Protein backbone atom coordinates (compact mmCIF):
# COMPACT_ATOMS: atom_id res chain seq x y z
CA MET A 1 100.96 92.77 106.65
CA TYR A 2 103.58 92.10 109.08
CA THR A 3 104.17 95.22 111.28
CA GLU A 4 106.47 96.31 114.31
CA THR A 5 106.45 99.65 115.93
CA TYR A 6 109.18 101.23 118.21
CA GLY A 7 109.50 104.44 120.39
CA SER A 8 106.93 107.19 120.78
CA GLY A 9 106.44 110.60 119.12
CA ALA A 10 105.46 111.59 115.47
CA PRO A 11 104.70 108.59 113.28
CA LEU A 12 107.69 107.67 111.04
CA LEU A 13 107.12 104.84 108.35
CA MET A 14 109.99 102.97 106.89
CA ILE A 15 109.86 101.10 103.63
CA HIS A 16 112.41 98.45 102.70
CA GLY A 17 113.58 97.20 99.22
CA ASN A 18 112.62 94.34 96.81
CA GLY A 19 112.89 91.02 98.08
CA GLY A 20 113.80 92.26 101.60
CA SER A 21 111.98 92.97 104.80
CA SER A 22 111.74 95.73 107.75
CA ALA A 23 114.94 94.03 109.07
CA ALA A 24 116.72 96.17 106.46
CA PHE A 25 116.38 99.06 108.87
CA ALA A 26 117.95 97.21 111.93
CA GLY A 27 120.57 100.11 112.04
CA ASN A 28 118.27 102.92 111.77
CA VAL A 29 115.37 101.98 114.21
CA PRO A 30 117.06 102.51 117.36
CA TYR A 31 118.27 106.13 116.31
CA PHE A 32 114.77 107.25 115.13
CA ALA A 33 112.75 105.34 117.88
CA GLU A 34 114.44 107.89 120.49
CA LYS A 35 112.00 110.87 119.24
CA TYR A 36 109.43 109.21 116.70
CA LYS A 37 106.99 106.25 116.84
CA VAL A 38 108.56 104.15 114.15
CA ILE A 39 106.55 101.83 112.04
CA ILE A 40 108.28 99.25 109.96
CA ALA A 41 106.42 96.78 108.02
CA ASP A 42 107.01 93.89 105.35
CA SER A 43 105.49 94.69 102.03
CA ARG A 44 103.35 92.32 100.38
CA ALA A 45 104.91 89.00 99.30
CA GLN A 46 108.01 89.84 101.22
CA GLY A 47 109.30 89.09 104.70
CA LYS A 48 106.51 87.66 106.87
CA SER A 49 103.72 89.36 104.80
CA ILE A 50 102.16 86.76 102.72
CA ASP A 51 100.46 87.53 99.41
CA THR A 52 99.29 84.72 97.07
CA LYS A 53 98.26 86.87 94.01
CA ASP A 54 100.04 86.33 90.73
CA SER A 55 100.91 90.09 90.26
CA ILE A 56 102.19 92.90 92.10
CA SER A 57 102.74 96.72 91.56
CA PHE A 58 103.98 99.49 93.34
CA GLU A 59 100.48 101.30 93.34
CA MET A 60 99.25 98.18 95.30
CA MET A 61 102.03 98.47 97.75
CA ALA A 62 101.60 102.08 98.30
CA ASP A 63 97.79 101.55 98.82
CA ASP A 64 98.82 98.91 101.41
CA TYR A 65 100.93 101.35 103.39
CA ALA A 66 98.25 103.87 103.44
CA ALA A 67 95.69 101.34 104.72
CA LEU A 68 98.18 100.37 107.36
CA LEU A 69 98.35 103.98 108.50
CA ASP A 70 94.71 104.15 108.45
CA SER A 71 94.35 101.01 110.42
CA MET A 72 96.46 102.43 113.09
CA HIS A 73 94.46 105.79 113.07
CA ILE A 74 97.58 107.74 111.97
CA ASP A 75 96.51 110.86 109.67
CA SER A 76 99.91 111.33 108.34
CA ALA A 77 103.50 110.31 108.81
CA TYR A 78 107.00 110.87 107.86
CA VAL A 79 108.19 108.37 105.41
CA ILE A 80 111.65 106.78 104.54
CA GLY A 81 111.99 104.61 101.82
CA TRP A 82 115.11 102.70 100.34
CA SER A 83 115.56 101.10 96.97
CA ASP A 84 111.94 99.80 96.08
CA GLY A 85 110.91 101.45 99.25
CA GLY A 86 111.97 104.73 97.87
CA ILE A 87 109.69 104.18 94.99
CA ASN A 88 106.84 103.10 97.16
CA ALA A 89 107.52 106.34 99.25
CA LEU A 90 107.24 108.52 96.20
CA VAL A 91 104.08 106.60 94.90
CA LEU A 92 102.43 106.79 98.30
CA ALA A 93 103.08 110.83 98.21
CA MET A 94 101.59 110.92 94.87
CA ARG A 95 98.44 108.64 95.52
CA HIS A 96 97.94 109.54 99.00
CA PRO A 97 99.45 113.00 99.65
CA GLU A 98 97.45 113.52 102.75
CA LYS A 99 99.44 110.52 104.33
CA VAL A 100 102.96 112.08 103.99
CA LYS A 101 104.22 114.77 105.97
CA LYS A 102 107.85 114.69 104.63
CA LEU A 103 109.43 111.96 102.58
CA ALA A 104 113.19 110.65 102.07
CA SER A 105 113.64 108.48 99.06
CA SER A 106 116.97 106.76 98.44
CA GLY A 107 118.11 104.73 95.40
CA ALA A 108 114.57 105.04 93.67
CA ASN A 109 114.07 104.95 89.89
CA LEU A 110 110.89 105.84 87.91
CA TRP A 111 111.37 103.37 85.03
CA PRO A 112 113.26 100.24 84.27
CA ASP A 113 116.02 100.72 81.71
CA SER A 114 119.49 101.64 81.17
CA THR A 115 118.85 105.48 81.36
CA ALA A 116 117.72 104.90 85.04
CA MET A 117 120.01 102.19 85.99
CA GLU A 118 123.74 101.68 85.38
CA PRO A 119 124.11 99.85 82.13
CA LYS A 120 125.81 96.73 83.77
CA VAL A 121 122.98 96.39 86.15
CA TRP A 122 120.40 96.43 83.48
CA GLU A 123 122.40 94.04 81.29
CA ASP A 124 121.99 91.57 84.31
CA GLU A 125 118.63 91.99 84.41
CA ILE A 126 118.04 91.32 80.64
CA LYS A 127 120.05 88.03 81.01
CA ALA A 128 118.15 86.81 83.97
CA TYR A 129 114.72 87.77 82.39
CA PRO A 130 114.18 84.56 80.20
CA LYS A 131 114.51 82.43 83.37
CA PHE A 132 111.64 84.36 85.08
CA THR A 133 109.29 84.26 82.26
CA LYS A 134 109.01 80.58 82.04
CA LYS A 135 105.67 79.08 83.27
CA MET A 136 106.09 78.60 86.94
CA ASN A 137 105.33 75.15 88.56
CA ARG A 138 107.56 75.83 91.44
CA THR A 139 107.53 76.16 95.37
CA PRO A 140 105.60 79.34 96.88
CA LYS A 141 109.07 80.86 97.41
CA GLU A 142 110.15 80.54 93.78
CA LYS A 143 106.91 81.86 92.61
CA ALA A 144 107.38 84.84 94.84
CA GLU A 145 110.86 85.25 93.71
CA GLN A 146 109.53 85.39 90.18
CA LYS A 147 107.00 87.89 90.97
CA MET A 148 109.38 90.35 92.60
CA PHE A 149 111.89 89.85 89.71
CA LEU A 150 109.50 90.87 87.19
CA LEU A 151 108.41 93.70 89.38
CA ASP A 152 111.60 95.50 89.00
CA MET A 153 112.13 94.33 85.37
CA LEU A 154 108.85 95.70 84.21
CA GLN A 155 107.98 98.40 86.66
CA PRO A 156 107.57 101.22 87.69
CA ASN A 157 106.51 103.34 84.78
CA ILE A 158 106.09 106.79 86.17
CA PRO A 159 106.50 109.93 83.82
CA LEU A 160 108.58 112.49 85.41
CA ASP A 161 105.57 115.27 85.25
CA SER A 162 103.80 112.75 87.82
CA LEU A 163 106.13 113.77 90.37
CA HIS A 164 104.51 117.33 90.19
CA LYS A 165 101.59 115.78 92.42
CA ILE A 166 104.13 115.53 95.25
CA LYS A 167 103.28 118.36 97.57
CA CYS A 168 105.10 117.55 100.62
CA PRO A 169 109.20 118.21 101.04
CA ALA A 170 110.97 115.42 99.71
CA LEU A 171 114.82 114.44 100.25
CA ILE A 172 115.83 112.57 97.13
CA MET A 173 119.16 110.47 97.73
CA CYS A 174 121.31 108.19 96.07
CA GLY A 175 125.16 106.97 96.35
CA ASP A 176 127.87 108.39 94.20
CA HIS A 177 128.33 104.82 93.18
CA ASP A 178 124.71 103.71 93.19
CA MET A 179 123.02 101.30 90.84
CA ILE A 180 120.82 104.23 89.92
CA ARG A 181 122.18 106.66 87.89
CA GLN A 182 122.90 110.09 89.35
CA ASP A 183 121.26 112.03 86.45
CA HIS A 184 118.15 109.90 86.98
CA THR A 185 118.14 110.66 90.75
CA LYS A 186 118.58 114.58 89.92
CA ALA A 187 115.88 114.38 87.41
CA ILE A 188 113.61 112.96 90.27
CA PHE A 189 114.61 115.75 92.57
CA LYS A 190 114.18 118.53 89.86
CA ASN A 191 110.69 117.50 89.19
CA ILE A 192 109.36 117.49 92.86
CA PRO A 193 108.24 121.06 93.74
CA LYS A 194 109.80 120.89 97.32
CA ALA A 195 113.00 119.02 96.97
CA ASN A 196 116.25 118.73 98.49
CA LEU A 197 119.14 116.59 97.04
CA TRP A 198 121.88 114.38 98.72
CA VAL A 199 124.25 112.32 96.57
CA VAL A 200 125.93 110.54 99.40
CA GLY A 201 129.72 110.36 98.97
CA HIS A 202 131.63 107.25 98.85
CA SER A 203 128.55 105.11 98.96
CA GLY A 204 126.87 102.38 96.68
CA HIS A 205 123.14 101.48 96.76
CA GLY A 206 122.97 100.90 100.49
CA THR A 207 123.17 104.33 101.72
CA LEU A 208 121.15 103.51 104.89
CA PHE A 209 123.90 100.93 106.14
CA GLU A 210 127.09 102.17 104.29
CA HIS A 211 126.65 105.57 106.04
CA LYS A 212 124.28 104.65 108.75
CA ARG A 213 125.04 107.56 111.27
CA TRP A 214 125.10 110.02 108.89
CA PHE A 215 121.98 108.85 107.10
CA ASN A 216 120.15 108.90 110.19
CA HIS A 217 121.31 112.31 111.32
CA ASN A 218 120.60 114.18 107.92
CA ILE A 219 117.31 112.55 107.34
CA ASP A 220 116.29 113.51 111.04
CA ASP A 221 117.68 117.03 110.27
CA PHE A 222 115.52 117.32 107.09
CA PHE A 223 112.48 116.02 109.03
CA THR A 224 112.98 118.41 111.98
CA LYS A 225 113.83 121.86 110.19
CA PRO A 226 111.57 123.94 108.03
CA TYR A 227 111.79 123.12 104.28
CA SER A 228 114.34 125.39 102.21
CA PRO A 229 115.21 125.11 98.74
CA ASP A 230 118.62 126.14 99.84
CA ASN A 231 119.07 123.15 102.32
CA LYS A 232 122.26 121.42 101.56
CA PHE A 233 122.96 117.64 102.40
CA GLY A 234 126.73 117.02 101.64
CA SER A 235 128.70 114.01 102.84
CA PHE A 236 131.81 115.72 103.73
CA TRP A 237 131.09 114.84 107.32
CA SER A 238 131.35 111.03 106.76
CA LYS A 239 134.83 111.03 107.59
CA PHE A 240 134.13 111.95 111.15
CA TRP A 241 131.61 109.35 111.74
């Protein structure tokens, strides 16, 4: 599992999205490395992490991240997850609650259909599905692309009440023009016992780079201050950044 670390302080794990790599956080690492020990890693079958297995799941990846923290002798960490990484952050907190101090999850969905994703996004997935269900006799890169497409086409499958297992404070986020529906994000927020919600204004799915400075500031603020159900995370300051 390819891993890089930056800075020193409380451990902070960053988890990237589908088909990407830890490079997704290039605009965020320098900010957080000033006060945290930032850990970025490529999830299995992505970036520089090789995985030759035929299948992949969010549970497998969450277990990978728990094992990574164990290998680094880290009892628990703050966690930031974006897109599929946001799903991984939630699953990590459910399967390994002792590993997560607080989490920030942006652009996550709990199941794959048009009630979770914007209908046009889901329609495009449906159209592409036949291409990725054919028997594969392709290059390793093409097989990995098939595996990652089918991951988001068929997973995750997380019941809302499973989120009750998350005991750490969570900042649940999406853009106001995200590919993940706002009502779905709000349902995630409402089903985590200690959660705050931030719908990032003037943002699509890429909250971490579309509003990089405000993304960094608000998550750091959430991690630093005591949790309160009354914490508010608006986007009105974006115009000043």
